[in-house]
Amino acid sequence: MNHTPRAPACLHQPLAESPLGSVSICPDCGVVQLTMDAVSVRLDMEAFHLATQMMVQARSRVHALMDERARHAAMAAQPAAVSTVH
């Protein structure tokens, strides 16, 4: 993170906010700050880009796992076929 003599501390501008936290950026040095509850992570632009790609990939895999779990639960809830032999 590079600070200019005019900006000894980052002055973050908000980018996004939700009940979970917020994302802001310092326009002087390009640091993106992700804040969730008591946790704050400061990333350069490349690291932020890589982190968002990783989260999108993880979200996709979580959805696939949840869909698989739901299919298994639905199959387990179906009554077993009863065969009668005469």
N, C-alpha and C. Protein backbone atom coordinates (compact mmCIF):
# COMPACT_ATOMS: atom_id res chain seq x y z
N MET A 1 0.85 -1.16 0.00
CA MET A 1 0.00 0.00 0.00
C MET A 1 0.90 1.22 0.00
N ASN A 2 0.66 2.11 -0.92
CA ASN A 2 1.47 3.32 -1.04
C ASN A 2 0.66 4.53 -0.63
N HIS A 3 1.14 5.24 0.36
CA HIS A 3 0.49 6.48 0.78
C HIS A 3 1.27 7.65 0.19
N THR A 4 0.54 8.63 -0.30
CA THR A 4 1.20 9.83 -0.80
C THR A 4 1.41 10.77 0.38
N PRO A 5 2.34 11.71 0.27
CA PRO A 5 2.54 12.66 1.37
C PRO A 5 1.27 13.44 1.71
N ARG A 6 0.40 13.62 0.72
CA ARG A 6 -0.85 14.35 0.98
C ARG A 6 -1.87 13.49 1.73
N ALA A 7 -1.73 12.16 1.66
CA ALA A 7 -2.72 11.27 2.26
C ALA A 7 -2.03 10.29 3.20
N PRO A 8 -1.69 10.73 4.42
CA PRO A 8 -0.99 9.83 5.35
C PRO A 8 -1.87 8.69 5.84
N ALA A 9 -3.16 8.83 5.74
CA ALA A 9 -4.07 7.75 6.14
C ALA A 9 -5.12 7.59 5.05
N CYS A 10 -5.59 6.38 4.90
CA CYS A 10 -6.60 6.11 3.88
C CYS A 10 -7.94 6.74 4.25
N LEU A 11 -8.56 7.34 3.25
CA LEU A 11 -9.91 7.87 3.38
C LEU A 11 -10.79 7.03 2.46
N HIS A 12 -11.42 6.02 3.03
CA HIS A 12 -12.16 5.05 2.24
C HIS A 12 -13.52 5.57 1.78
N GLN A 13 -13.84 5.25 0.53
CA GLN A 13 -15.15 5.54 -0.03
C GLN A 13 -15.93 4.23 -0.08
N PRO A 14 -17.20 4.24 0.36
CA PRO A 14 -17.98 3.00 0.37
C PRO A 14 -18.27 2.51 -1.05
N LEU A 15 -18.20 1.19 -1.23
CA LEU A 15 -18.54 0.55 -2.50
C LEU A 15 -19.82 -0.28 -2.37
N ALA A 16 -19.96 -0.98 -1.24
CA ALA A 16 -21.12 -1.84 -1.02
C ALA A 16 -21.31 -2.03 0.47
N GLU A 17 -22.57 -2.26 0.86
CA GLU A 17 -22.88 -2.45 2.27
C GLU A 17 -24.05 -3.42 2.38
N SER A 18 -24.02 -4.26 3.40
CA SER A 18 -25.10 -5.20 3.67
C SER A 18 -25.14 -5.44 5.18
N PRO A 19 -26.14 -6.21 5.65
CA PRO A 19 -26.15 -6.53 7.08
C PRO A 19 -24.89 -7.29 7.53
N LEU A 20 -24.21 -7.96 6.59
CA LEU A 20 -23.00 -8.71 6.92
C LEU A 20 -21.80 -7.80 7.13
N GLY A 21 -21.72 -6.70 6.39
CA GLY A 21 -20.56 -5.82 6.50
C GLY A 21 -20.51 -4.82 5.38
N SER A 22 -19.29 -4.41 5.01
CA SER A 22 -19.14 -3.41 3.97
C SER A 22 -17.84 -3.60 3.21
N VAL A 23 -17.80 -2.99 2.02
CA VAL A 23 -16.59 -2.95 1.20
C VAL A 23 -16.36 -1.49 0.84
N SER A 24 -15.14 -1.03 1.01
CA SER A 24 -14.80 0.34 0.66
C SER A 24 -13.42 0.36 0.00
N ILE A 25 -13.10 1.50 -0.61
CA ILE A 25 -11.81 1.62 -1.30
C ILE A 25 -11.18 2.98 -0.98
N CYS A 26 -9.88 2.98 -0.89
CA CYS A 26 -9.13 4.23 -0.77
C CYS A 26 -8.74 4.64 -2.19
N PRO A 27 -9.28 5.73 -2.70
CA PRO A 27 -8.95 6.12 -4.07
C PRO A 27 -7.50 6.55 -4.25
N ASP A 28 -6.82 6.92 -3.18
CA ASP A 28 -5.43 7.35 -3.29
C ASP A 28 -4.48 6.17 -3.49
N CYS A 29 -4.65 5.12 -2.68
CA CYS A 29 -3.70 4.00 -2.75
C CYS A 29 -4.30 2.74 -3.37
N GLY A 30 -5.61 2.72 -3.58
CA GLY A 30 -6.24 1.57 -4.23
C GLY A 30 -6.50 0.39 -3.32
N VAL A 31 -6.36 0.56 -2.03
CA VAL A 31 -6.62 -0.54 -1.09
C VAL A 31 -8.12 -0.71 -0.91
N VAL A 32 -8.56 -1.96 -1.03
CA VAL A 32 -9.96 -2.29 -0.81
C VAL A 32 -10.06 -2.87 0.60
N GLN A 33 -11.02 -2.38 1.36
CA GLN A 33 -11.21 -2.87 2.73
C GLN A 33 -12.54 -3.60 2.82
N LEU A 34 -12.47 -4.84 3.27
CA LEU A 34 -13.65 -5.67 3.51
C LEU A 34 -13.83 -5.76 5.01
N THR A 35 -14.98 -5.32 5.51
CA THR A 35 -15.25 -5.33 6.94
C THR A 35 -16.49 -6.17 7.21
N MET A 36 -16.33 -7.16 8.10
CA MET A 36 -17.44 -8.00 8.54
C MET A 36 -17.37 -8.11 10.05
N ASP A 37 -18.36 -7.56 10.73
CA ASP A 37 -18.41 -7.56 12.18
C ASP A 37 -17.10 -6.97 12.71
N ALA A 38 -16.36 -7.71 13.50
CA ALA A 38 -15.13 -7.19 14.10
C ALA A 38 -13.90 -7.50 13.27
N VAL A 39 -14.08 -8.05 12.05
CA VAL A 39 -12.96 -8.42 11.20
C VAL A 39 -12.85 -7.43 10.04
N SER A 40 -11.65 -6.96 9.80
CA SER A 40 -11.40 -6.05 8.70
C SER A 40 -10.19 -6.55 7.93
N VAL A 41 -10.35 -6.70 6.61
CA VAL A 41 -9.26 -7.18 5.75
C VAL A 41 -8.99 -6.12 4.70
N ARG A 42 -7.72 -5.77 4.55
CA ARG A 42 -7.31 -4.77 3.56
C ARG A 42 -6.54 -5.49 2.46
N LEU A 43 -6.99 -5.30 1.21
CA LEU A 43 -6.40 -6.00 0.07
C LEU A 43 -6.05 -5.01 -1.03
N ASP A 44 -4.95 -5.29 -1.74
CA ASP A 44 -4.72 -4.50 -2.94
C ASP A 44 -5.71 -4.96 -4.00
N MET A 45 -5.80 -4.23 -5.10
CA MET A 45 -6.82 -4.50 -6.11
C MET A 45 -6.70 -5.92 -6.68
N GLU A 46 -5.49 -6.39 -6.94
CA GLU A 46 -5.31 -7.74 -7.49
C GLU A 46 -5.75 -8.80 -6.49
N ALA A 47 -5.38 -8.64 -5.24
CA ALA A 47 -5.79 -9.60 -4.21
C ALA A 47 -7.31 -9.59 -4.05
N PHE A 48 -7.92 -8.42 -4.11
CA PHE A 48 -9.38 -8.33 -4.01
C PHE A 48 -10.03 -9.05 -5.19
N HIS A 49 -9.50 -8.86 -6.38
CA HIS A 49 -10.03 -9.55 -7.56
C HIS A 49 -9.92 -11.06 -7.40
N LEU A 50 -8.76 -11.55 -6.97
CA LEU A 50 -8.57 -12.98 -6.77
C LEU A 50 -9.49 -13.52 -5.67
N ALA A 51 -9.68 -12.75 -4.61
CA ALA A 51 -10.56 -13.18 -3.52
C ALA A 51 -12.01 -13.29 -3.99
N THR A 52 -12.45 -12.33 -4.82
CA THR A 52 -13.83 -12.40 -5.31
C THR A 52 -14.01 -13.58 -6.25
N GLN A 53 -13.01 -13.88 -7.08
CA GLN A 53 -13.09 -15.06 -7.94
C GLN A 53 -13.18 -16.33 -7.10
N MET A 54 -12.38 -16.41 -6.05
CA MET A 54 -12.39 -17.57 -5.17
C MET A 54 -13.76 -17.73 -4.50
N MET A 55 -14.35 -16.63 -4.05
CA MET A 55 -15.66 -16.69 -3.39
C MET A 55 -16.76 -17.11 -4.36
N VAL A 56 -16.71 -16.64 -5.60
CA VAL A 56 -17.70 -17.04 -6.60
C VAL A 56 -17.58 -18.54 -6.87
N GLN A 57 -16.36 -19.04 -6.98
CA GLN A 57 -16.15 -20.47 -7.20
C GLN A 57 -16.67 -21.27 -6.00
N ALA A 58 -16.38 -20.81 -4.80
CA ALA A 58 -16.85 -21.50 -3.60
C ALA A 58 -18.37 -21.47 -3.52
N ARG A 59 -18.99 -20.33 -3.86
CA ARG A 59 -20.45 -20.24 -3.84
C ARG A 59 -21.06 -21.25 -4.78
N SER A 60 -20.50 -21.40 -5.96
CA SER A 60 -20.99 -22.36 -6.94
C SER A 60 -20.90 -23.78 -6.38
N ARG A 61 -19.80 -24.11 -5.76
CA ARG A 61 -19.63 -25.45 -5.19
C ARG A 61 -20.54 -25.69 -4.00
N VAL A 62 -20.76 -24.67 -3.19
CA VAL A 62 -21.70 -24.79 -2.06
C VAL A 62 -23.10 -25.08 -2.58
N HIS A 63 -23.53 -24.35 -3.63
CA HIS A 63 -24.85 -24.59 -4.20
C HIS A 63 -24.97 -26.02 -4.74
N ALA A 64 -23.93 -26.50 -5.40
CA ALA A 64 -23.95 -27.87 -5.93
C ALA A 64 -24.05 -28.88 -4.79
N LEU A 65 -23.30 -28.67 -3.72
CA LEU A 65 -23.37 -29.58 -2.57
C LEU A 65 -24.74 -29.54 -1.91
N MET A 66 -25.31 -28.36 -1.79
CA MET A 66 -26.64 -28.24 -1.17
C MET A 66 -27.70 -28.91 -2.04
N ASP A 67 -27.59 -28.77 -3.36
CA ASP A 67 -28.52 -29.44 -4.27
C ASP A 67 -28.41 -30.96 -4.14
N GLU A 68 -27.18 -31.44 -4.05
CA GLU A 68 -26.96 -32.88 -3.88
C GLU A 68 -27.55 -33.37 -2.56
N ARG A 69 -27.34 -32.62 -1.52
CA ARG A 69 -27.90 -32.97 -0.21
C ARG A 69 -29.43 -33.01 -0.27
N ALA A 70 -30.03 -32.04 -0.93
CA ALA A 70 -31.49 -32.00 -1.05
C ALA A 70 -32.01 -33.19 -1.85
N ARG A 71 -31.30 -33.58 -2.91
CA ARG A 71 -31.71 -34.76 -3.69
C ARG A 71 -31.66 -36.02 -2.83
N HIS A 72 -30.60 -36.17 -2.05
CA HIS A 72 -30.48 -37.35 -1.18
C HIS A 72 -31.59 -37.35 -0.12
N ALA A 73 -31.90 -36.22 0.43
CA ALA A 73 -32.96 -36.14 1.44
C ALA A 73 -34.31 -36.47 0.82
N ALA A 74 -34.55 -36.00 -0.40
CA ALA A 74 -35.82 -36.29 -1.08
C ALA A 74 -35.94 -37.77 -1.38
N MET A 75 -34.85 -38.39 -1.79
CA MET A 75 -34.88 -39.83 -2.08
C MET A 75 -35.10 -40.62 -0.80
N ALA A 76 -34.49 -40.20 0.28
CA ALA A 76 -34.65 -40.91 1.55
C ALA A 76 -36.06 -40.76 2.10
N ALA A 77 -36.74 -39.67 1.76
CA ALA A 77 -38.09 -39.43 2.26
C ALA A 77 -39.14 -40.17 1.46
N GLN A 78 -38.79 -40.66 0.26
CA GLN A 78 -39.77 -41.40 -0.54
C GLN A 78 -39.98 -42.78 0.07
N PRO A 79 -41.26 -43.22 0.09
CA PRO A 79 -41.50 -44.56 0.63
C PRO A 79 -40.86 -45.62 -0.27
N ALA A 80 -40.36 -46.64 0.37
CA ALA A 80 -39.73 -47.72 -0.38
C ALA A 80 -40.80 -48.48 -1.16
N ALA A 81 -40.43 -48.90 -2.35
CA ALA A 81 -41.37 -49.66 -3.17
C ALA A 81 -41.56 -51.03 -2.54
N VAL A 82 -42.79 -51.42 -2.42
CA VAL A 82 -43.11 -52.73 -1.81
C VAL A 82 -43.44 -53.68 -2.94
N SER A 83 -42.74 -54.76 -2.98
CA SER A 83 -43.05 -55.75 -4.01
C SER A 83 -43.74 -56.93 -3.34
N THR A 84 -44.73 -57.38 -3.99
CA THR A 84 -45.46 -58.55 -3.48
C THR A 84 -45.26 -59.69 -4.46
N VAL A 85 -44.94 -60.79 -3.92
CA VAL A 85 -44.75 -61.99 -4.74
C VAL A 85 -45.92 -62.91 -4.50
N HIS A 86 -46.58 -63.35 -5.56
CA HIS A 86 -47.73 -64.26 -5.45
C HIS A 86 -47.37 -65.60 -5.95
